[in-house]
């Protein structure tokens, strides 16, 4: 899997990318969250991108000759939350089970960062659930730091 290639995604990759998104919910979900909630919006963004194009999206795939598409990264260029300077947001990064543990997530993250910088971003943000320790450890190792906490209070049942 170390010889997997990373390239820009194309609309022809859509089905393979969508098939990877459920991996985003493979951790113990917080109470009140459905697995589909973690990736439905990303799927819609990819579908829109594939149909219409979107200059603010950076879509990368990792593929190898044996397994085809084994990873996807989706980045949206958007102003930084507070100071409105050019920035990017990592919407999703998902790796096929067969590619786990081969450094592919790290490579996709690095390529996504480089692509965002080439497009003028001065920073990249992302969201990660507090209890998704595996993802948090990856981001911590790659220089990301927690900045805001999001609190939720559920009403009703």
C-alpha atoms as a PDB file:
ATOM      1  CA  UNK A   1       0.000   0.000   0.000  1.00  0.00           C
ATOM      2  CA  UNK A   2       3.012   2.283   0.343  1.00  0.00           C
ATOM      3  CA  UNK A   3       3.054   2.586  -3.434  1.00  0.00           C
ATOM      4  CA  UNK A   4      -0.469   4.022  -3.516  1.00  0.00           C
ATOM      5  CA  UNK A   5      -0.685   7.154  -5.626  1.00  0.00           C
ATOM      6  CA  UNK A   6      -2.372  10.357  -4.499  1.00  0.00           C
ATOM      7  CA  UNK A   7      -4.015  12.382  -7.223  1.00  0.00           C
ATOM      8  CA  UNK A   8      -6.835  14.876  -7.692  1.00  0.00           C
ATOM      9  CA  UNK A   9     -10.224  13.227  -7.521  1.00  0.00           C
ATOM     10  CA  UNK A  10     -12.489  13.129 -10.567  1.00  0.00           C
ATOM     11  CA  UNK A  11     -16.258  12.695 -10.888  1.00  0.00           C
ATOM     12  CA  UNK A  12     -15.547   9.107 -11.994  1.00  0.00           C
ATOM     13  CA  UNK A  13     -14.228   8.430  -8.463  1.00  0.00           C
ATOM     14  CA  UNK A  14     -17.487   9.482  -6.785  1.00  0.00           C
ATOM     15  CA  UNK A  15     -18.880   6.024  -5.973  1.00  0.00           C
ATOM     16  CA  UNK A  16     -15.574   4.832  -4.532  1.00  0.00           C
ATOM     17  CA  UNK A  17     -15.223   8.002  -2.425  1.00  0.00           C
ATOM     18  CA  UNK A  18     -18.793   7.725  -1.122  1.00  0.00           C
ATOM     19  CA  UNK A  19     -18.149   4.103  -0.156  1.00  0.00           C
ATOM     20  CA  UNK A  20     -15.281   5.229   2.114  1.00  0.00           C
ATOM     21  CA  UNK A  21     -17.216   7.908   4.026  1.00  0.00           C
ATOM     22  CA  UNK A  22     -18.948   5.560   6.514  1.00  0.00           C
ATOM     23  CA  UNK A  23     -15.479   4.905   7.947  1.00  0.00           C
ATOM     24  CA  UNK A  24     -15.754   8.387   9.495  1.00  0.00           C
ATOM     25  CA  UNK A  25     -18.165   6.924  12.038  1.00  0.00           C
ATOM     26  CA  UNK A  26     -16.074   3.934  13.105  1.00  0.00           C
ATOM     27  CA  UNK A  27     -15.554   4.961  16.694  1.00  0.00           C
ATOM     28  CA  UNK A  28     -17.824   5.100  19.719  1.00  0.00           C
ATOM     29  CA  UNK A  29     -20.267   7.818  18.764  1.00  0.00           C
ATOM     30  CA  UNK A  30     -21.442  10.391  21.271  1.00  0.00           C
ATOM     31  CA  UNK A  31     -24.916   9.837  22.645  1.00  0.00           C
ATOM     32  CA  UNK A  32     -27.632  11.064  20.327  1.00  0.00           C
ATOM     33  CA  UNK A  33     -25.516  10.885  17.174  1.00  0.00           C
ATOM     34  CA  UNK A  34     -26.307   8.623  14.237  1.00  0.00           C
ATOM     35  CA  UNK A  35     -23.437   7.333  12.141  1.00  0.00           C
ATOM     36  CA  UNK A  36     -24.880   8.831   8.956  1.00  0.00           C
ATOM     37  CA  UNK A  37     -24.825  12.283  10.539  1.00  0.00           C
ATOM     38  CA  UNK A  38     -21.034  12.168  10.493  1.00  0.00           C
ATOM     39  CA  UNK A  39     -20.733  11.780   6.759  1.00  0.00           C
ATOM     40  CA  UNK A  40     -24.040  12.697   5.077  1.00  0.00           C
ATOM     41  CA  UNK A  41     -23.019  16.335   4.535  1.00  0.00           C
ATOM     42  CA  UNK A  42     -19.645  15.289   3.124  1.00  0.00           C
ATOM     43  CA  UNK A  43     -21.417  12.922   0.723  1.00  0.00           C
ATOM     44  CA  UNK A  44     -23.680  15.735  -0.427  1.00  0.00           C
ATOM     45  CA  UNK A  45     -20.688  18.024  -0.939  1.00  0.00           C
ATOM     46  CA  UNK A  46     -18.904  15.370  -3.017  1.00  0.00           C
ATOM     47  CA  UNK A  47     -22.022  14.702  -5.071  1.00  0.00           C
ATOM     48  CA  UNK A  48     -22.468  18.424  -5.770  1.00  0.00           C
ATOM     49  CA  UNK A  49     -18.770  18.737  -6.646  1.00  0.00           C
ATOM     50  CA  UNK A  50     -18.987  15.759  -9.033  1.00  0.00           C
ATOM     51  CA  UNK A  51     -22.123  17.104 -10.767  1.00  0.00           C
ATOM     52  CA  UNK A  52     -21.357  20.810 -10.949  1.00  0.00           C
ATOM     53  CA  UNK A  53     -17.756  21.334  -9.982  1.00  0.00           C
ATOM     54  CA  UNK A  54     -16.844  23.584  -7.078  1.00  0.00           C
ATOM     55  CA  UNK A  55     -13.798  25.822  -7.217  1.00  0.00           C
ATOM     56  CA  UNK A  56     -13.722  25.984  -3.415  1.00  0.00           C
ATOM     57  CA  UNK A  57     -13.309  22.206  -3.028  1.00  0.00           C
ATOM     58  CA  UNK A  58     -10.074  20.271  -3.107  1.00  0.00           C
ATOM     59  CA  UNK A  59     -10.711  16.561  -3.579  1.00  0.00           C
ATOM     60  CA  UNK A  60      -7.855  14.075  -3.449  1.00  0.00           C
ATOM     61  CA  UNK A  61      -7.910  10.311  -3.756  1.00  0.00           C
ATOM     62  CA  UNK A  62      -5.371   7.646  -2.962  1.00  0.00           C
ATOM     63  CA  UNK A  63      -5.398   4.591  -5.179  1.00  0.00           C
ATOM     64  CA  UNK A  64      -3.340   1.522  -5.828  1.00  0.00           C
ATOM     65  CA  UNK A  65      -3.356  -0.964  -8.656  1.00  0.00           C
ATOM     66  CA  UNK A  66      -4.782  -3.832  -6.621  1.00  0.00           C
ATOM     67  CA  UNK A  67      -7.577  -2.140  -4.625  1.00  0.00           C
ATOM     68  CA  UNK A  68      -8.463   0.973  -6.609  1.00  0.00           C
ATOM     69  CA  UNK A  69      -9.447   4.028  -4.555  1.00  0.00           C
ATOM     70  CA  UNK A  70      -8.396   3.434  -0.935  1.00  0.00           C
ATOM     71  CA  UNK A  71      -8.524   6.963   0.455  1.00  0.00           C
ATOM     72  CA  UNK A  72     -10.192  10.322   0.044  1.00  0.00           C
ATOM     73  CA  UNK A  73      -9.579  13.802   1.394  1.00  0.00           C
ATOM     74  CA  UNK A  74     -12.120  16.609   1.023  1.00  0.00           C
ATOM     75  CA  UNK A  75     -11.039  20.178   1.756  1.00  0.00           C
ATOM     76  CA  UNK A  76     -13.110  23.324   1.408  1.00  0.00           C
ATOM     77  CA  UNK A  77     -11.452  26.699   0.934  1.00  0.00           C
ATOM     78  CA  UNK A  78     -13.156  29.243   3.177  1.00  0.00           C
ATOM     79  CA  UNK A  79     -12.252  32.316   5.201  1.00  0.00           C
ATOM     80  CA  UNK A  80     -10.794  31.695   8.642  1.00  0.00           C
ATOM     81  CA  UNK A  81     -13.530  31.651  11.281  1.00  0.00           C
ATOM     82  CA  UNK A  82     -12.411  34.672  13.295  1.00  0.00           C
ATOM     83  CA  UNK A  83     -10.151  36.931  11.258  1.00  0.00           C
ATOM     84  CA  UNK A  84     -11.568  36.009   7.799  1.00  0.00           C
ATOM     85  CA  UNK A  85      -8.123  35.493   6.232  1.00  0.00           C
ATOM     86  CA  UNK A  86      -7.789  32.847   3.489  1.00  0.00           C
ATOM     87  CA  UNK A  87      -8.021  29.412   5.054  1.00  0.00           C
ATOM     88  CA  UNK A  88      -9.168  25.869   4.390  1.00  0.00           C
ATOM     89  CA  UNK A  89     -11.247  23.348   6.305  1.00  0.00           C
ATOM     90  CA  UNK A  90     -10.603  19.604   6.197  1.00  0.00           C
ATOM     91  CA  UNK A  91     -14.139  18.300   5.780  1.00  0.00           C
ATOM     92  CA  UNK A  92     -13.228  14.619   5.648  1.00  0.00           C
ATOM     93  CA  UNK A  93     -10.373  12.204   5.313  1.00  0.00           C
ATOM     94  CA  UNK A  94     -11.223   8.505   5.076  1.00  0.00           C
ATOM     95  CA  UNK A  95      -9.074   5.452   4.422  1.00  0.00           C
ATOM     96  CA  UNK A  96     -10.205   1.951   3.443  1.00  0.00           C
ATOM     97  CA  UNK A  97      -9.673  -0.759   6.066  1.00  0.00           C
ATOM     98  CA  UNK A  98      -7.257  -2.536   3.736  1.00  0.00           C
ATOM     99  CA  UNK A  99      -5.046   0.576   3.801  1.00  0.00           C
ATOM    100  CA  UNK A 100      -5.066   1.120   7.582  1.00  0.00           C
ATOM    101  CA  UNK A 101      -1.667   1.353   9.194  1.00  0.00           C
ATOM    102  CA  UNK A 102       0.295   2.101   6.028  1.00  0.00           C
ATOM    103  CA  UNK A 103       0.687   5.860   6.491  1.00  0.00           C
ATOM    104  CA  UNK A 104      -1.819   6.691   3.786  1.00  0.00           C
ATOM    105  CA  UNK A 105      -3.868   9.008   6.007  1.00  0.00           C
ATOM    106  CA  UNK A 106      -0.710  10.932   6.850  1.00  0.00           C
ATOM    107  CA  UNK A 107       0.188  11.213   3.166  1.00  0.00           C
ATOM    108  CA  UNK A 108      -3.311  12.364   2.207  1.00  0.00           C
ATOM    109  CA  UNK A 109      -3.271  14.944   4.996  1.00  0.00           C
ATOM    110  CA  UNK A 110       0.097  16.299   3.841  1.00  0.00           C
ATOM    111  CA  UNK A 111      -1.092  16.494   0.222  1.00  0.00           C
ATOM    112  CA  UNK A 112      -4.322  18.212   1.297  1.00  0.00           C
ATOM    113  CA  UNK A 113      -2.340  20.789   3.280  1.00  0.00           C
ATOM    114  CA  UNK A 114       0.018  21.414   0.362  1.00  0.00           C
ATOM    115  CA  UNK A 115      -2.915  21.824  -2.041  1.00  0.00           C
ATOM    116  CA  UNK A 116      -4.579  24.301   0.336  1.00  0.00           C
ATOM    117  CA  UNK A 117      -1.357  26.314   0.613  1.00  0.00           C
ATOM    118  CA  UNK A 118      -1.027  26.368  -3.187  1.00  0.00           C
ATOM    119  CA  UNK A 119      -4.561  27.774  -3.334  1.00  0.00           C
ATOM    120  CA  UNK A 120      -3.636  30.575  -0.907  1.00  0.00           C
ATOM    121  CA  UNK A 121      -4.757  29.205   2.465  1.00  0.00           C
ATOM    122  CA  UNK A 122      -2.782  30.409   5.464  1.00  0.00           C
ATOM    123  CA  UNK A 123      -4.246  27.768   7.794  1.00  0.00           C
ATOM    124  CA  UNK A 124      -6.420  24.669   7.867  1.00  0.00           C
ATOM    125  CA  UNK A 125      -9.067  23.793  10.418  1.00  0.00           C
ATOM    126  CA  UNK A 126     -10.945  20.571  11.067  1.00  0.00           C
ATOM    127  CA  UNK A 127     -13.543  19.140  13.407  1.00  0.00           C
ATOM    128  CA  UNK A 128     -12.974  15.961  15.381  1.00  0.00           C
ATOM    129  CA  UNK A 129     -15.107  14.403  18.107  1.00  0.00           C
ATOM    130  CA  UNK A 130     -13.481  14.550  21.523  1.00  0.00           C
ATOM    131  CA  UNK A 131     -13.752  10.789  21.992  1.00  0.00           C
ATOM    132  CA  UNK A 132     -12.298   9.938  18.561  1.00  0.00           C
ATOM    133  CA  UNK A 133      -8.884   9.366  20.060  1.00  0.00           C
ATOM    134  CA  UNK A 134      -7.392   7.702  17.004  1.00  0.00           C
ATOM    135  CA  UNK A 135      -8.128  10.694  14.760  1.00  0.00           C
ATOM    136  CA  UNK A 136      -7.112  13.186  17.443  1.00  0.00           C
ATOM    137  CA  UNK A 137      -3.733  11.513  17.872  1.00  0.00           C
ATOM    138  CA  UNK A 138      -3.100  11.748  14.124  1.00  0.00           C
ATOM    139  CA  UNK A 139      -3.925  15.455  14.079  1.00  0.00           C
ATOM    140  CA  UNK A 140      -1.905  16.133  17.235  1.00  0.00           C
ATOM    141  CA  UNK A 141       1.146  14.456  15.668  1.00  0.00           C
ATOM    142  CA  UNK A 142       0.790  16.630  12.581  1.00  0.00           C
ATOM    143  CA  UNK A 143       0.767  19.987  14.309  1.00  0.00           C
ATOM    144  CA  UNK A 144      -2.938  20.618  14.808  1.00  0.00           C
ATOM    145  CA  UNK A 145      -3.993  22.046  18.156  1.00  0.00           C
ATOM    146  CA  UNK A 146      -7.398  22.234  19.782  1.00  0.00           C
ATOM    147  CA  UNK A 147      -8.693  25.762  19.906  1.00  0.00           C
ATOM    148  CA  UNK A 148     -12.439  25.790  20.586  1.00  0.00           C
ATOM    149  CA  UNK A 149     -14.764  23.489  22.454  1.00  0.00           C
ATOM    150  CA  UNK A 150     -18.284  22.924  21.169  1.00  0.00           C
ATOM    151  CA  UNK A 151     -20.883  22.188  23.790  1.00  0.00           C
ATOM    152  CA  UNK A 152     -24.220  20.488  23.109  1.00  0.00           C
ATOM    153  CA  UNK A 153     -27.321  20.222  25.248  1.00  0.00           C
ATOM    154  CA  UNK A 154     -30.098  18.035  23.923  1.00  0.00           C
ATOM    155  CA  UNK A 155     -33.735  18.900  24.616  1.00  0.00           C
ATOM    156  CA  UNK A 156     -36.569  16.415  24.858  1.00  0.00           C
ATOM    157  CA  UNK A 157     -36.150  12.689  25.303  1.00  0.00           C
END
